[in-house]
Amino acid sequence: MQTGKQLSTSIDATVPTAARMYDHYLGGKDNYAADRGACEELDKVVPSTRVLAVNNRRFLQRVVRVLAEDHGIRQFLDHGSGLPTQDNVHQVAQRIDPETHVVYVDNDPMVLVHGRALLEQDERTAVIHADMRETDAIFEHPDTKRLIDFSKPVAVLFNSVMHCIPDSDTDGPLDVARRVAARLAPGSCMVMCQLVSEDPEVREFVTGFMDQVTQGHWGRVRRQEDVAKWFEGLEILEPGLVEVSTWRPDTEVAPRQLTHEWIEFGGVARVP
C-alpha cells in the first residue's frame, strides 16, 4: 500500500524543510530565516551537523562517479534529491558519459521550481514532484518512463532521506527499499544512508525537534541495525555499511566525521 497523499505546490517560508536546511548547511542561498533558525537550534545539541552535511554530499558525488566509471551505470533515479547545488548527480555522471539519464524526485515545491529551471535545456534529465514512498507513481511517471529503461541496470539513490520517512507497517523505509529493489534489473544498485545515533537522547531530541519544526514532515533518527535491514538480499559493495565519509575516500587526507553524536550511515549494494 502506498500513500496517495496530495502534495503541496506552494512554498511556505515560515515552516522549515529538510531540503532547505540541508541547502543552508551546504552554504546555499535557497533557504529562509526559518530554515536557518532551525539549523541554529539543531546545532546546539548536534554541533557536527554542518560537517556531516558536507561529508554526505561528497559521499554522493563519489558514489555516482564510482557507479558510472566502475559499474557502467548510465541511469540514475534520485529520491529526495534536494535543492540543486554544485556537482549534482547529472553533472557528475554526465562528465563520464554525456548520454547518462537522470531523474530527480522530491516532494518540496521549491526543489521542483529550482530544479526545473536548472534542467530546462537538458533533455536527458528531469525533476518530478512526488513523495518518495509513491513507488508506482514514480516508476510510471511519463518523465521516468521517457528517461529510464528498467530492463537495464539503474542506480537508485536514497541519499540522506530515509530519516524523513516515518515508520509504518506498509510504507516505512524497509518497505520502500524492498519495493524498489524488486522492480530493478540485475546489476542495478541501491544507494541508501540516513542519520543514525546510538545515543537514545540524541535520537529522541532530533526526531522530536525535526518533527515539530517541519510540521510532521519527518520520520526519525535510527540505529545502524535499522539501516542494515534495508540491505538484506542485496550484495553490499566494499567497504560495507559505514559512516559515509569513510566510504572509498578520494585521498587519505579527505575530510572525516570527527564527532559522533550522530552520523550519516549506509552504503551501496548491487541487485543480484
Protein backbone atom coordinates (compact mmCIF):
# COMPACT_ATOMS: atom_id res chain seq x y z
CA MET A 1 0.00 0.00 0.00
CA GLN A 2 1.27 3.47 -0.85
CA THR A 3 0.30 6.89 0.44
CA GLY A 4 -1.58 8.55 -2.41
CA LYS A 5 -1.15 11.80 -0.48
CA GLN A 6 -1.78 15.12 -2.23
CA LEU A 7 1.42 17.15 -2.35
CA SER A 8 1.50 20.87 -1.75
CA THR A 9 2.71 23.04 -4.61
CA SER A 10 3.00 26.23 -2.52
CA ILE A 11 6.16 27.38 -0.75
CA ASP A 12 5.76 28.36 2.93
CA ALA A 13 8.80 30.37 4.02
CA THR A 14 7.74 30.20 7.67
CA VAL A 15 7.97 26.40 8.01
CA PRO A 16 11.46 24.86 7.76
CA THR A 17 12.01 21.97 5.37
CA ALA A 18 14.74 19.36 5.43
CA ALA A 19 15.74 20.29 1.86
CA ARG A 20 16.22 23.98 2.65
CA MET A 21 18.01 23.26 5.94
CA TYR A 22 20.39 20.97 4.04
CA ASP A 23 20.89 23.74 1.49
CA HIS A 24 21.84 26.14 4.28
CA TYR A 25 24.34 23.69 5.76
CA LEU A 26 25.96 23.35 2.33
CA GLY A 27 26.32 27.13 2.03
CA GLY A 28 23.45 27.57 -0.42
CA LYS A 29 21.17 30.56 -0.76
CA ASP A 30 17.84 28.83 -1.42
CA ASN A 31 16.64 28.94 2.18
CA TYR A 32 14.76 31.23 4.54
CA ALA A 33 15.15 32.65 8.05
CA ALA A 34 13.00 29.83 9.45
CA ASP A 35 15.36 27.23 7.98
CA ARG A 36 18.47 28.98 9.30
CA GLY A 37 16.88 29.40 12.73
CA ALA A 38 16.06 25.70 12.89
CA CYS A 39 19.67 24.87 11.99
CA GLU A 40 20.93 27.10 14.80
CA GLU A 41 18.73 25.30 17.32
CA LEU A 42 19.79 21.90 16.00
CA ASP A 43 23.47 22.85 16.26
CA LYS A 44 23.12 23.41 19.99
CA VAL A 45 22.63 19.67 20.53
CA VAL A 46 24.31 18.13 17.46
CA PRO A 47 27.06 20.63 16.51
CA SER A 48 28.65 18.39 13.88
CA THR A 49 25.66 18.68 11.55
CA ARG A 50 27.24 21.10 9.06
CA VAL A 51 30.31 18.87 8.64
CA LEU A 52 28.02 15.86 8.39
CA ALA A 53 26.03 17.51 5.57
CA VAL A 54 29.17 18.40 3.62
CA ASN A 55 30.60 14.89 4.02
CA ASN A 56 27.30 13.40 2.91
CA ARG A 57 27.33 15.50 -0.26
CA ARG A 58 30.87 14.35 -1.01
CA PHE A 59 29.79 10.75 -0.46
CA LEU A 60 27.02 11.19 -3.03
CA GLN A 61 29.45 12.56 -5.58
CA ARG A 62 31.91 9.69 -5.02
CA VAL A 63 29.15 7.10 -5.27
CA VAL A 64 27.84 8.47 -8.55
CA ARG A 65 31.35 8.59 -10.02
CA VAL A 66 32.14 5.03 -8.92
CA LEU A 67 28.86 3.64 -10.24
CA ALA A 68 29.33 5.39 -13.58
CA GLU A 69 33.05 4.64 -14.01
CA ASP A 70 33.41 1.19 -12.47
CA HIS A 71 29.94 -0.30 -12.94
CA GLY A 72 28.88 1.32 -16.20
CA ILE A 73 25.65 2.73 -14.80
CA ARG A 74 24.07 5.21 -17.20
CA GLN A 75 20.71 5.71 -15.48
CA PHE A 76 20.12 7.31 -12.07
CA LEU A 77 16.89 7.72 -10.11
CA ASP A 78 17.49 10.09 -7.20
CA HIS A 79 14.84 10.05 -4.46
CA GLY A 80 14.63 13.11 -2.21
CA SER A 81 17.21 14.89 -4.32
CA GLY A 82 17.04 18.24 -2.54
CA LEU A 83 17.84 21.68 -3.90
CA PRO A 84 20.35 21.91 -6.77
CA THR A 85 23.89 22.72 -5.67
CA GLN A 86 27.34 22.26 -7.19
CA ASP A 87 28.18 18.89 -8.75
CA ASN A 88 24.68 17.46 -8.82
CA VAL A 89 24.15 13.83 -9.81
CA HIS A 90 23.63 14.57 -13.50
CA GLN A 91 26.75 16.75 -13.66
CA VAL A 92 28.99 14.12 -12.05
CA ALA A 93 27.57 11.29 -14.16
CA GLN A 94 27.47 13.19 -17.45
CA ARG A 95 31.14 14.12 -17.13
CA ILE A 96 31.80 10.41 -17.53
CA ASP A 97 29.17 9.86 -20.23
CA PRO A 98 27.14 12.83 -21.55
CA GLU A 99 24.35 10.45 -22.56
CA THR A 100 23.60 9.47 -18.94
CA HIS A 101 19.94 9.90 -17.94
CA VAL A 102 18.93 11.20 -14.50
CA VAL A 103 15.51 11.60 -12.86
CA TYR A 104 15.27 13.58 -9.64
CA VAL A 105 12.34 13.04 -7.26
CA ASP A 106 11.34 15.41 -4.45
CA ASN A 107 8.16 16.49 -2.66
CA ASP A 108 9.44 20.01 -1.82
CA PRO A 109 7.85 22.52 -4.26
CA MET A 110 10.92 24.75 -4.06
CA VAL A 111 13.09 21.88 -5.30
CA LEU A 112 10.73 21.46 -8.23
CA VAL A 113 10.95 25.14 -9.22
CA HIS A 114 14.73 25.44 -8.95
CA GLY A 115 15.44 22.01 -10.39
CA ARG A 116 13.32 22.52 -13.48
CA ALA A 117 14.89 25.92 -14.09
CA LEU A 118 18.37 24.37 -13.89
CA LEU A 119 17.50 21.49 -16.19
CA GLU A 120 15.36 23.33 -18.73
CA GLN A 121 17.84 22.75 -21.55
CA ASP A 122 18.83 19.18 -20.62
CA GLU A 123 16.65 16.58 -22.33
CA ARG A 124 18.44 13.74 -20.54
CA THR A 125 17.44 14.94 -17.06
CA ALA A 126 14.11 15.63 -15.34
CA VAL A 127 12.67 16.58 -11.94
CA ILE A 128 9.36 15.10 -10.83
CA HIS A 129 7.21 16.16 -7.88
CA ALA A 130 6.39 13.07 -5.84
CA ASP A 131 6.55 11.52 -2.40
CA MET A 132 9.47 9.07 -2.39
CA ARG A 133 7.14 6.41 -0.96
CA GLU A 134 4.99 6.52 -4.12
CA THR A 135 6.98 3.88 -5.95
CA ASP A 136 4.31 3.13 -8.56
CA ALA A 137 3.72 6.79 -9.35
CA ILE A 138 7.46 7.45 -9.65
CA PHE A 139 8.19 4.45 -11.86
CA GLU A 140 5.16 5.14 -14.07
CA HIS A 141 5.67 8.90 -14.35
CA PRO A 142 5.97 9.99 -18.01
CA ASP A 143 9.41 11.55 -17.43
CA THR A 144 10.67 8.43 -15.69
CA LYS A 145 9.39 6.20 -18.48
CA ARG A 146 10.93 8.54 -21.07
CA LEU A 147 14.38 8.54 -19.47
CA ILE A 148 14.79 5.26 -17.55
CA ASP A 149 14.75 1.77 -19.05
CA PHE A 150 14.17 -0.53 -16.09
CA SER A 151 15.09 -3.61 -18.13
CA LYS A 152 18.69 -2.35 -17.82
CA PRO A 153 20.78 -1.54 -14.71
CA VAL A 154 19.86 1.67 -12.91
CA ALA A 155 21.26 3.29 -9.77
CA VAL A 156 18.53 4.22 -7.30
CA LEU A 157 19.60 6.79 -4.72
CA PHE A 158 18.12 7.29 -1.25
CA ASN A 159 20.87 9.59 -0.02
CA SER A 160 20.23 11.04 3.45
CA VAL A 161 16.45 10.90 3.03
CA MET A 162 15.16 7.75 4.74
CA HIS A 163 15.09 9.62 8.07
CA CYS A 164 12.30 11.74 6.51
CA ILE A 165 10.09 8.62 6.20
CA PRO A 166 8.08 7.65 9.32
CA ASP A 167 7.90 4.07 10.47
CA SER A 168 4.87 2.28 9.04
CA ASP A 169 3.55 -1.23 8.55
CA THR A 170 3.33 -0.64 4.79
CA ASP A 171 5.34 2.46 3.86
CA GLY A 172 8.33 2.60 6.19
CA PRO A 173 11.90 2.72 4.85
CA LEU A 174 12.21 -1.08 4.79
CA ASP A 175 9.04 -1.41 2.71
CA VAL A 176 10.15 1.30 0.30
CA ALA A 177 13.61 -0.24 -0.14
CA ARG A 178 12.22 -3.72 -0.81
CA ARG A 179 9.52 -2.44 -3.15
CA VAL A 180 12.03 -0.52 -5.25
CA ALA A 181 14.66 -3.29 -5.29
CA ALA A 182 12.04 -5.79 -6.51
CA ARG A 183 11.47 -3.68 -9.62
CA LEU A 184 15.13 -3.37 -10.63
CA ALA A 185 17.07 -5.40 -13.19
CA PRO A 186 20.06 -7.46 -12.02
CA GLY A 187 23.18 -5.31 -11.90
CA SER A 188 21.23 -2.30 -10.66
CA CYS A 189 22.48 -0.59 -7.50
CA MET A 190 20.80 0.82 -4.41
CA VAL A 191 22.45 3.68 -2.50
CA MET A 192 20.94 4.14 0.96
CA CYS A 193 22.05 6.09 4.01
CA GLN A 194 20.42 8.06 6.78
CA LEU A 195 21.12 9.86 10.03
CA VAL A 196 21.75 7.44 12.88
CA SER A 197 22.79 7.66 16.51
CA GLU A 198 23.49 5.05 19.13
CA ASP A 199 22.67 7.66 21.81
CA PRO A 200 18.96 7.41 22.71
CA GLU A 201 18.85 11.01 23.95
CA VAL A 202 20.17 12.32 20.62
CA ARG A 203 17.68 10.16 18.71
CA GLU A 204 14.80 11.38 20.84
CA PHE A 205 15.75 15.06 20.68
CA VAL A 206 16.45 15.30 16.96
CA THR A 207 13.42 13.21 16.00
CA GLY A 208 11.10 15.33 18.13
CA PHE A 209 12.68 18.63 17.12
CA MET A 210 12.61 17.97 13.39
CA ASP A 211 9.07 16.58 13.51
CA GLN A 212 7.93 19.73 15.29
CA VAL A 213 9.71 22.36 13.16
CA THR A 214 8.82 20.69 9.83
CA GLN A 215 5.22 20.19 10.98
CA GLY A 216 5.26 16.45 10.61
CA HIS A 217 7.46 16.09 7.52
CA TRP A 218 9.92 13.82 9.28
CA GLY A 219 10.47 10.20 10.23
CA ARG A 220 13.10 9.51 12.86
CA VAL A 221 16.77 9.18 13.60
CA ARG A 222 17.50 5.45 13.66
CA ARG A 223 20.24 3.00 14.65
CA GLN A 224 22.79 1.29 12.45
CA GLU A 225 20.99 -2.05 12.81
CA ASP A 226 17.83 -0.47 11.34
CA VAL A 227 19.72 0.65 8.24
CA ALA A 228 21.35 -2.77 7.81
CA LYS A 229 17.91 -4.38 7.38
CA TRP A 230 17.28 -2.38 4.20
CA PHE A 231 20.22 -4.15 2.51
CA GLU A 232 19.07 -7.71 3.18
CA GLY A 233 19.06 -9.76 -0.03
CA LEU A 234 21.40 -7.34 -1.81
CA GLU A 235 25.14 -7.65 -2.50
CA ILE A 236 26.78 -4.91 -0.45
CA LEU A 237 29.79 -3.32 -2.15
CA GLU A 238 33.06 -2.75 -0.32
CA PRO A 239 33.74 -1.32 2.20
CA GLY A 240 30.32 -2.33 3.51
CA LEU A 241 27.95 -0.25 5.60
CA VAL A 242 29.92 2.60 7.15
CA GLU A 243 29.93 6.21 8.28
CA VAL A 244 29.82 7.77 4.83
CA SER A 245 32.96 9.92 5.00
CA THR A 246 34.90 6.62 5.13
CA TRP A 247 33.23 5.13 2.02
CA ARG A 248 36.04 4.97 -0.58
CA PRO A 249 37.55 8.38 0.24
CA ASP A 250 39.36 10.12 -2.61
CA THR A 251 42.55 10.52 -0.58
CA GLU A 252 43.93 9.55 2.79
CA VAL A 253 43.58 13.17 3.91
CA ALA A 254 39.94 13.51 2.83
CA PRO A 255 37.67 15.10 5.48
CA ARG A 256 36.30 12.68 8.07
CA GLN A 257 33.44 12.94 10.52
CA LEU A 258 35.23 13.98 13.72
CA THR A 259 32.36 13.95 16.21
CA HIS A 260 29.86 11.17 16.50
CA GLU A 261 26.79 12.34 18.42
CA TRP A 262 25.13 11.30 15.19
CA ILE A 263 26.45 10.16 11.83
CA GLU A 264 25.34 9.52 8.28
CA PHE A 265 25.43 5.73 7.93
CA GLY A 266 24.86 3.46 4.96
CA GLY A 267 26.39 2.19 1.76
CA VAL A 268 25.87 0.84 -1.74
CA ALA A 269 24.54 -2.55 -2.80
CA ARG A 270 24.01 -4.41 -6.05
CA VAL A 271 20.81 -6.17 -7.06
CA PRO A 272 21.74 -9.82 -7.80
